[in-house]
């Protein structure tokens, strides 16, 4: 577990700054970045599902998902802030779930994803709430403010969708009898393994933002 954890941390320390560079820069650089991510993710999906009945449905969903990623970054007011909030919720949920699950263990959540535990789910919620609250109230945020009820609800919703997305991708991996979708990221597996929750969270978040029923910040 220690070697795996070190690999995950090392990979994250390299990948997160690279991703942030393209996200914050925007323009054609961001478009280039998400096109590369889309192609890699689609290739991994192709390898694991090319002979399955749900193959085309999965590809269509990936197109919709990455389109929502593009729309949130390029058309939402607030520049890249909305994008970073969704990204940070997903990453915090994943980290919290991993840490709490490894330390506290406890009952398994589902047979579909054997590593998922109830403690991990709770950890994902708690960690995303804490990290978002700290970020929104810090000088790193454009207009520092306390976490309000609408943003709290958004965190819970997106964290839930992200965790469900993780389980869904795990289900398809089990159908394909593989552990990881690839080996491109040491400690994480494939890119699809890394962004499994995000590809569900971003389309859902885009719909929430378009409805505009909450007052976030």
Protein backbone atom coordinates (compact mmCIF):
# COMPACT_ATOMS: atom_id res chain seq x y z
CA UNK A 1 0.00 0.00 0.00
CA UNK A 2 2.86 2.35 0.78
CA UNK A 3 4.42 1.99 -2.68
CA UNK A 4 1.03 2.51 -4.32
CA UNK A 5 0.34 5.58 -2.18
CA UNK A 6 3.75 7.09 -3.01
CA UNK A 7 3.15 6.52 -6.72
CA UNK A 8 -0.29 8.14 -6.50
CA UNK A 9 1.08 11.20 -4.70
CA UNK A 10 4.05 11.54 -7.07
CA UNK A 11 1.85 11.29 -10.15
CA UNK A 12 -0.62 13.80 -8.73
CA UNK A 13 2.14 16.30 -7.92
CA UNK A 14 3.17 16.20 -11.56
CA UNK A 15 -0.23 16.04 -13.22
CA UNK A 16 -2.16 18.62 -11.17
CA UNK A 17 0.12 21.60 -12.03
CA UNK A 18 0.07 20.60 -15.70
CA UNK A 19 -3.73 20.38 -15.72
CA UNK A 20 -4.07 23.71 -13.87
CA UNK A 21 -1.80 25.41 -16.41
CA UNK A 22 -4.05 24.46 -19.34
CA UNK A 23 -7.27 25.12 -17.41
CA UNK A 24 -6.24 28.60 -16.28
CA UNK A 25 -4.67 29.57 -19.61
CA UNK A 26 -7.81 28.59 -21.50
CA UNK A 27 -8.12 29.40 -25.21
CA UNK A 28 -6.60 26.96 -27.73
CA UNK A 29 -4.31 25.54 -25.02
CA UNK A 30 -7.28 24.30 -23.02
CA UNK A 31 -8.94 22.95 -26.17
CA UNK A 32 -5.75 21.08 -27.02
CA UNK A 33 -5.61 19.67 -23.49
CA UNK A 34 -9.17 18.32 -23.42
CA UNK A 35 -8.85 16.90 -26.94
CA UNK A 36 -5.81 14.90 -25.83
CA UNK A 37 -7.67 13.75 -22.71
CA UNK A 38 -10.70 12.80 -24.79
CA UNK A 39 -8.63 10.78 -27.26
CA UNK A 40 -6.76 8.91 -24.51
CA UNK A 41 -9.95 8.20 -22.57
CA UNK A 42 -11.78 7.07 -25.71
CA UNK A 43 -8.91 4.76 -26.60
CA UNK A 44 -9.00 3.20 -23.14
CA UNK A 45 -12.76 2.74 -23.41
CA UNK A 46 -12.28 1.23 -26.87
CA UNK A 47 -9.77 -1.31 -25.58
CA UNK A 48 -11.95 -2.47 -22.70
CA UNK A 49 -15.35 -2.40 -24.43
CA UNK A 50 -14.93 -2.72 -28.19
CA UNK A 51 -16.78 -6.05 -28.35
CA UNK A 52 -19.50 -5.10 -25.89
CA UNK A 53 -23.08 -4.06 -26.66
CA UNK A 54 -22.66 -0.81 -24.73
CA UNK A 55 -19.52 0.27 -26.64
CA UNK A 56 -21.15 2.98 -28.78
CA UNK A 57 -23.24 4.26 -25.87
CA UNK A 58 -20.04 4.73 -23.86
CA UNK A 59 -18.35 6.66 -26.67
CA UNK A 60 -21.40 8.89 -27.06
CA UNK A 61 -21.41 9.57 -23.33
CA UNK A 62 -17.71 10.52 -23.42
CA UNK A 63 -18.44 13.00 -26.24
CA UNK A 64 -21.26 14.57 -24.19
CA UNK A 65 -19.10 14.62 -21.08
CA UNK A 66 -16.12 16.35 -22.70
CA UNK A 67 -18.46 18.77 -24.46
CA UNK A 68 -19.82 19.80 -21.05
CA UNK A 69 -16.23 20.23 -19.83
CA UNK A 70 -15.58 22.57 -22.76
CA UNK A 71 -18.80 24.53 -22.19
CA UNK A 72 -18.24 25.04 -18.47
CA UNK A 73 -14.72 26.36 -19.05
CA UNK A 74 -15.43 28.55 -22.09
CA UNK A 75 -18.99 29.85 -21.71
CA UNK A 76 -19.78 30.05 -17.99
CA UNK A 77 -19.46 33.42 -16.30
CA UNK A 78 -16.63 33.66 -13.79
CA UNK A 79 -14.01 32.40 -16.25
CA UNK A 80 -12.45 29.18 -14.95
CA UNK A 81 -13.84 29.42 -11.39
CA UNK A 82 -16.85 27.16 -11.99
CA UNK A 83 -14.57 24.65 -13.67
CA UNK A 84 -12.08 24.62 -10.79
CA UNK A 85 -14.85 24.22 -8.23
CA UNK A 86 -16.17 21.06 -9.92
CA UNK A 87 -12.65 19.76 -10.41
CA UNK A 88 -11.73 20.41 -6.78
CA UNK A 89 -14.89 18.70 -5.51
CA UNK A 90 -14.10 15.59 -7.56
CA UNK A 91 -10.44 15.47 -6.56
CA UNK A 92 -11.23 16.10 -2.87
CA UNK A 93 -13.91 13.41 -2.93
CA UNK A 94 -11.49 10.92 -4.45
CA UNK A 95 -8.68 11.74 -2.00
CA UNK A 96 -10.99 11.71 1.03
CA UNK A 97 -12.52 8.44 -0.03
CA UNK A 98 -9.12 6.85 -0.55
CA UNK A 99 -7.64 8.03 2.77
CA UNK A 100 -10.69 7.28 4.93
CA UNK A 101 -11.24 3.95 3.21
CA UNK A 102 -7.65 2.84 3.74
CA UNK A 103 -7.44 4.00 7.35
CA UNK A 104 -10.92 3.21 8.72
CA UNK A 105 -11.85 0.38 6.33
CA UNK A 106 -15.19 -1.01 7.55
CA UNK A 107 -18.15 -2.49 5.63
CA UNK A 108 -17.96 -2.66 1.84
CA UNK A 109 -20.30 -0.38 -0.07
CA UNK A 110 -20.98 -2.64 -3.05
CA UNK A 111 -19.67 -5.76 -4.75
CA UNK A 112 -19.33 -3.80 -7.98
CA UNK A 113 -16.37 -1.90 -6.54
CA UNK A 114 -14.81 -4.02 -3.74
CA UNK A 115 -12.50 -1.23 -2.55
CA UNK A 116 -15.40 1.13 -1.88
CA UNK A 117 -16.42 1.37 1.78
CA UNK A 118 -19.01 3.38 3.68
CA UNK A 119 -16.19 5.11 5.54
CA UNK A 120 -14.70 6.09 2.18
CA UNK A 121 -18.00 7.59 1.05
CA UNK A 122 -18.27 9.67 4.23
CA UNK A 123 -14.61 10.66 3.91
CA UNK A 124 -15.25 11.83 0.36
CA UNK A 125 -18.06 14.10 1.52
CA UNK A 126 -16.15 15.47 4.50
CA UNK A 127 -12.93 16.12 2.61
CA UNK A 128 -14.67 17.89 -0.29
CA UNK A 129 -16.63 20.12 2.11
CA UNK A 130 -13.51 21.03 4.10
CA UNK A 131 -11.30 21.69 1.07
CA UNK A 132 -13.93 23.77 -0.75
CA UNK A 133 -14.70 25.75 2.39
CA UNK A 134 -11.01 26.54 2.93
CA UNK A 135 -10.48 27.48 -0.72
CA UNK A 136 -13.54 29.72 -1.01
CA UNK A 137 -12.59 31.64 2.13
CA UNK A 138 -8.92 32.04 1.20
CA UNK A 139 -7.12 34.70 -0.80
CA UNK A 140 -6.77 32.15 -3.60
CA UNK A 141 -10.43 32.74 -4.44
CA UNK A 142 -11.36 35.88 -6.40
CA UNK A 143 -13.91 37.03 -3.80
CA UNK A 144 -13.15 35.23 -0.51
CA UNK A 145 -16.35 34.21 1.29
CA UNK A 146 -17.80 31.69 3.68
CA UNK A 147 -19.44 28.53 2.44
CA UNK A 148 -23.17 29.17 1.94
CA UNK A 149 -26.01 26.65 1.91
CA UNK A 150 -26.37 26.59 -1.89
CA UNK A 151 -22.69 25.86 -2.41
CA UNK A 152 -22.89 23.20 0.31
CA UNK A 153 -25.74 21.51 -1.58
CA UNK A 154 -23.74 21.74 -4.81
CA UNK A 155 -20.76 20.02 -3.13
CA UNK A 156 -22.94 17.18 -1.83
CA UNK A 157 -24.60 16.68 -5.23
CA UNK A 158 -21.40 16.73 -7.27
CA UNK A 159 -19.54 14.57 -4.74
CA UNK A 160 -22.38 12.03 -4.90
CA UNK A 161 -22.41 11.98 -8.70
CA UNK A 162 -18.62 11.65 -8.77
CA UNK A 163 -18.72 8.65 -6.43
CA UNK A 164 -21.52 7.03 -8.43
CA UNK A 165 -19.50 7.59 -11.62
CA UNK A 166 -16.55 5.84 -10.02
CA UNK A 167 -18.73 2.83 -9.22
CA UNK A 168 -20.24 2.75 -12.72
CA UNK A 169 -16.82 2.68 -14.39
CA UNK A 170 -15.74 -0.01 -11.91
CA UNK A 171 -18.77 -2.04 -12.99
CA UNK A 172 -17.74 -1.85 -16.65
CA UNK A 173 -14.17 -2.81 -15.73
CA UNK A 174 -15.50 -5.87 -13.94
CA UNK A 175 -17.53 -6.78 -17.02
CA UNK A 176 -14.32 -6.52 -19.05
CA UNK A 177 -12.42 -8.47 -16.37
CA UNK A 178 -9.70 -5.85 -15.95
CA UNK A 179 -8.38 -4.01 -12.90
CA UNK A 180 -7.36 -0.76 -14.60
CA UNK A 181 -8.29 0.87 -17.90
CA UNK A 182 -4.63 1.49 -18.71
CA UNK A 183 -1.14 2.08 -17.34
CA UNK A 184 -0.48 5.66 -18.40
CA UNK A 185 -0.50 7.09 -14.85
CA UNK A 186 1.65 5.28 -12.24
CA UNK A 187 -0.35 4.47 -9.13
CA UNK A 188 -3.64 5.34 -10.80
CA UNK A 189 -3.81 3.17 -13.91
CA UNK A 190 -5.37 4.69 -16.99
CA UNK A 191 -6.68 8.20 -17.51
CA UNK A 192 -10.22 6.84 -17.35
CA UNK A 193 -9.41 5.41 -13.91
CA UNK A 194 -8.34 8.88 -12.83
CA UNK A 195 -11.31 10.85 -14.21
CA UNK A 196 -14.08 8.26 -13.89
CA UNK A 197 -16.06 10.39 -11.43
CA UNK A 198 -15.39 13.62 -13.34
CA UNK A 199 -16.86 12.43 -16.62
CA UNK A 200 -20.18 12.06 -14.79
CA UNK A 201 -19.85 15.11 -12.55
CA UNK A 202 -19.19 17.68 -15.28
CA UNK A 203 -22.32 16.97 -17.39
CA UNK A 204 -24.43 16.97 -14.23
CA UNK A 205 -22.84 20.21 -13.04
CA UNK A 206 -23.41 21.84 -16.42
CA UNK A 207 -27.12 21.06 -16.22
CA UNK A 208 -27.28 22.51 -12.70
CA UNK A 209 -25.50 25.69 -13.80
CA UNK A 210 -27.80 26.09 -16.80
CA UNK A 211 -30.92 25.77 -14.65
CA UNK A 212 -29.40 28.40 -12.36
CA UNK A 213 -31.62 27.71 -9.35
CA UNK A 214 -28.89 28.19 -6.75
CA UNK A 215 -26.91 31.22 -5.63
CA UNK A 216 -23.35 29.99 -5.25
CA UNK A 217 -21.03 32.98 -4.96
